[in-house]
């Protein structure tokens, strides 16, 4: 399901589309949160998944005006970094070092 939805959604959400399409942003992050919660190893290790792009998109969506999209983007970051922190595979799963203070504050949220 993610594979079918993600490619067109990521195309729509590129550039300014992230803030112009809050419902699509919300749907994409809701799906990603569920996937990280229910099948983290398979989802985050999926070869065709660009974790860098998804993390960047989540961070870029936070200053948006849609509270639901913003909340789900933050939830995705919390779940993804939380999983990486618990399993000690942060550099494989999340290419961003999670020992930075900002990520530690997210993990203790």
C-alpha atoms as a PDB file:
ATOM      1  CA  UNK A   1       0.000   0.000   0.000  1.00  0.00           C
ATOM      2  CA  UNK A   2       2.786   2.416   0.891  1.00  0.00           C
ATOM      3  CA  UNK A   3       4.574   1.705  -2.370  1.00  0.00           C
ATOM      4  CA  UNK A   4       1.454   2.506  -4.402  1.00  0.00           C
ATOM      5  CA  UNK A   5       0.675   5.671  -2.453  1.00  0.00           C
ATOM      6  CA  UNK A   6       4.139   7.060  -1.771  1.00  0.00           C
ATOM      7  CA  UNK A   7       5.442   7.683  -5.291  1.00  0.00           C
ATOM      8  CA  UNK A   8       2.541   9.899  -6.458  1.00  0.00           C
ATOM      9  CA  UNK A   9       2.285  11.510  -3.011  1.00  0.00           C
ATOM     10  CA  UNK A  10       5.986  12.396  -2.937  1.00  0.00           C
ATOM     11  CA  UNK A  11       5.694  13.937  -6.410  1.00  0.00           C
ATOM     12  CA  UNK A  12       2.705  16.057  -5.319  1.00  0.00           C
ATOM     13  CA  UNK A  13       4.454  17.092  -2.106  1.00  0.00           C
ATOM     14  CA  UNK A  14       7.750  18.153  -3.663  1.00  0.00           C
ATOM     15  CA  UNK A  15       8.632  21.819  -3.392  1.00  0.00           C
ATOM     16  CA  UNK A  16       5.750  23.973  -2.156  1.00  0.00           C
ATOM     17  CA  UNK A  17       3.329  21.074  -2.551  1.00  0.00           C
ATOM     18  CA  UNK A  18       4.025  20.071   1.035  1.00  0.00           C
ATOM     19  CA  UNK A  19       2.104  23.053   2.400  1.00  0.00           C
ATOM     20  CA  UNK A  20      -0.335  23.347  -0.503  1.00  0.00           C
ATOM     21  CA  UNK A  21      -1.643  19.785   0.003  1.00  0.00           C
ATOM     22  CA  UNK A  22      -2.116  19.355   3.761  1.00  0.00           C
ATOM     23  CA  UNK A  23      -4.488  16.385   3.380  1.00  0.00           C
ATOM     24  CA  UNK A  24      -1.988  14.408   1.319  1.00  0.00           C
ATOM     25  CA  UNK A  25       0.777  15.349   3.754  1.00  0.00           C
ATOM     26  CA  UNK A  26      -1.371  14.195   6.650  1.00  0.00           C
ATOM     27  CA  UNK A  27      -2.294  10.904   4.941  1.00  0.00           C
ATOM     28  CA  UNK A  28       1.312  10.116   4.027  1.00  0.00           C
ATOM     29  CA  UNK A  29       2.627  10.718   7.543  1.00  0.00           C
ATOM     30  CA  UNK A  30      -0.275   8.828   9.131  1.00  0.00           C
ATOM     31  CA  UNK A  31       0.590   5.809   6.977  1.00  0.00           C
ATOM     32  CA  UNK A  32       4.304   6.098   7.748  1.00  0.00           C
ATOM     33  CA  UNK A  33       3.658   6.352  11.489  1.00  0.00           C
ATOM     34  CA  UNK A  34       1.608   3.153  11.367  1.00  0.00           C
ATOM     35  CA  UNK A  35       4.286   1.375   9.359  1.00  0.00           C
ATOM     36  CA  UNK A  36       7.033   2.402  11.783  1.00  0.00           C
ATOM     37  CA  UNK A  37       4.883   1.374  14.749  1.00  0.00           C
ATOM     38  CA  UNK A  38       3.840  -2.005  13.318  1.00  0.00           C
ATOM     39  CA  UNK A  39       6.699  -3.182  11.109  1.00  0.00           C
ATOM     40  CA  UNK A  40       9.721  -0.944  11.703  1.00  0.00           C
ATOM     41  CA  UNK A  41      12.483  -3.306  10.562  1.00  0.00           C
ATOM     42  CA  UNK A  42      10.821  -4.121   7.263  1.00  0.00           C
ATOM     43  CA  UNK A  43       9.639  -0.589   6.523  1.00  0.00           C
ATOM     44  CA  UNK A  44      12.777   1.343   7.452  1.00  0.00           C
ATOM     45  CA  UNK A  45      15.121  -1.188   5.842  1.00  0.00           C
ATOM     46  CA  UNK A  46      13.143  -1.322   2.595  1.00  0.00           C
ATOM     47  CA  UNK A  47      15.657  -0.816  -0.229  1.00  0.00           C
ATOM     48  CA  UNK A  48      13.561   1.556  -2.331  1.00  0.00           C
ATOM     49  CA  UNK A  49      12.727   3.752   0.674  1.00  0.00           C
ATOM     50  CA  UNK A  50      14.618   7.024   0.799  1.00  0.00           C
ATOM     51  CA  UNK A  51      14.743   7.633   4.564  1.00  0.00           C
ATOM     52  CA  UNK A  52      16.709  10.872   4.029  1.00  0.00           C
ATOM     53  CA  UNK A  53      13.925  12.268   1.849  1.00  0.00           C
ATOM     54  CA  UNK A  54      11.183  11.270   4.294  1.00  0.00           C
ATOM     55  CA  UNK A  55      12.996  12.703   7.322  1.00  0.00           C
ATOM     56  CA  UNK A  56      13.690  15.918   5.438  1.00  0.00           C
ATOM     57  CA  UNK A  57      10.063  16.149   4.355  1.00  0.00           C
ATOM     58  CA  UNK A  58       8.896  15.632   7.941  1.00  0.00           C
ATOM     59  CA  UNK A  59      11.147  18.427   9.179  1.00  0.00           C
ATOM     60  CA  UNK A  60      10.033  20.758   6.352  1.00  0.00           C
ATOM     61  CA  UNK A  61       6.356  20.151   7.142  1.00  0.00           C
ATOM     62  CA  UNK A  62       6.635  21.248  10.781  1.00  0.00           C
ATOM     63  CA  UNK A  63       6.398  25.017  10.145  1.00  0.00           C
ATOM     64  CA  UNK A  64       3.192  24.469   8.134  1.00  0.00           C
ATOM     65  CA  UNK A  65      -0.172  25.762   9.186  1.00  0.00           C
ATOM     66  CA  UNK A  66      -2.059  22.449   9.192  1.00  0.00           C
ATOM     67  CA  UNK A  67      -1.911  21.178  12.767  1.00  0.00           C
ATOM     68  CA  UNK A  68      -2.774  17.571  11.862  1.00  0.00           C
ATOM     69  CA  UNK A  69      -0.061  17.296   9.212  1.00  0.00           C
ATOM     70  CA  UNK A  70       2.432  18.934  11.577  1.00  0.00           C
ATOM     71  CA  UNK A  71       1.483  16.598  14.435  1.00  0.00           C
ATOM     72  CA  UNK A  72       1.798  13.487  12.269  1.00  0.00           C
ATOM     73  CA  UNK A  73       5.154  14.621  10.862  1.00  0.00           C
ATOM     74  CA  UNK A  74       6.468  15.058  14.411  1.00  0.00           C
ATOM     75  CA  UNK A  75       4.996  11.696  15.401  1.00  0.00           C
ATOM     76  CA  UNK A  76       6.797  10.070  12.452  1.00  0.00           C
ATOM     77  CA  UNK A  77      10.091  11.616  13.591  1.00  0.00           C
ATOM     78  CA  UNK A  78       9.532  10.471  17.172  1.00  0.00           C
ATOM     79  CA  UNK A  79       8.677   6.917  16.073  1.00  0.00           C
ATOM     80  CA  UNK A  80      11.522   6.626  13.550  1.00  0.00           C
ATOM     81  CA  UNK A  81      14.199   8.025  15.882  1.00  0.00           C
ATOM     82  CA  UNK A  82      12.772   6.074  18.802  1.00  0.00           C
ATOM     83  CA  UNK A  83      13.042   2.837  16.856  1.00  0.00           C
ATOM     84  CA  UNK A  84      16.577   3.674  15.730  1.00  0.00           C
ATOM     85  CA  UNK A  85      17.549   4.562  19.295  1.00  0.00           C
ATOM     86  CA  UNK A  86      16.104   1.351  20.794  1.00  0.00           C
ATOM     87  CA  UNK A  87      17.753  -0.915  18.252  1.00  0.00           C
ATOM     88  CA  UNK A  88      21.128   0.875  18.018  1.00  0.00           C
ATOM     89  CA  UNK A  89      20.987   0.977  14.233  1.00  0.00           C
ATOM     90  CA  UNK A  90      20.756   4.738  13.862  1.00  0.00           C
ATOM     91  CA  UNK A  91      23.370   5.029  11.135  1.00  0.00           C
ATOM     92  CA  UNK A  92      21.829   2.228   9.090  1.00  0.00           C
ATOM     93  CA  UNK A  93      18.170   3.170   9.522  1.00  0.00           C
ATOM     94  CA  UNK A  94      18.470   6.925  10.056  1.00  0.00           C
ATOM     95  CA  UNK A  95      21.510   8.502   8.433  1.00  0.00           C
ATOM     96  CA  UNK A  96      21.283  11.417  10.879  1.00  0.00           C
ATOM     97  CA  UNK A  97      23.299  10.882  14.091  1.00  0.00           C
ATOM     98  CA  UNK A  98      20.718  10.620  16.854  1.00  0.00           C
ATOM     99  CA  UNK A  99      23.145  11.579  19.597  1.00  0.00           C
ATOM    100  CA  UNK A 100      22.658  15.250  18.705  1.00  0.00           C
ATOM    101  CA  UNK A 101      20.886  17.190  21.515  1.00  0.00           C
ATOM    102  CA  UNK A 102      17.832  18.058  19.406  1.00  0.00           C
ATOM    103  CA  UNK A 103      17.133  14.403  18.681  1.00  0.00           C
ATOM    104  CA  UNK A 104      17.683  13.439  22.308  1.00  0.00           C
ATOM    105  CA  UNK A 105      14.957  15.914  23.262  1.00  0.00           C
ATOM    106  CA  UNK A 106      12.646  14.309  20.669  1.00  0.00           C
ATOM    107  CA  UNK A 107      13.381  10.850  22.060  1.00  0.00           C
ATOM    108  CA  UNK A 108      12.539  11.893  25.612  1.00  0.00           C
ATOM    109  CA  UNK A 109       9.338  13.657  24.525  1.00  0.00           C
END
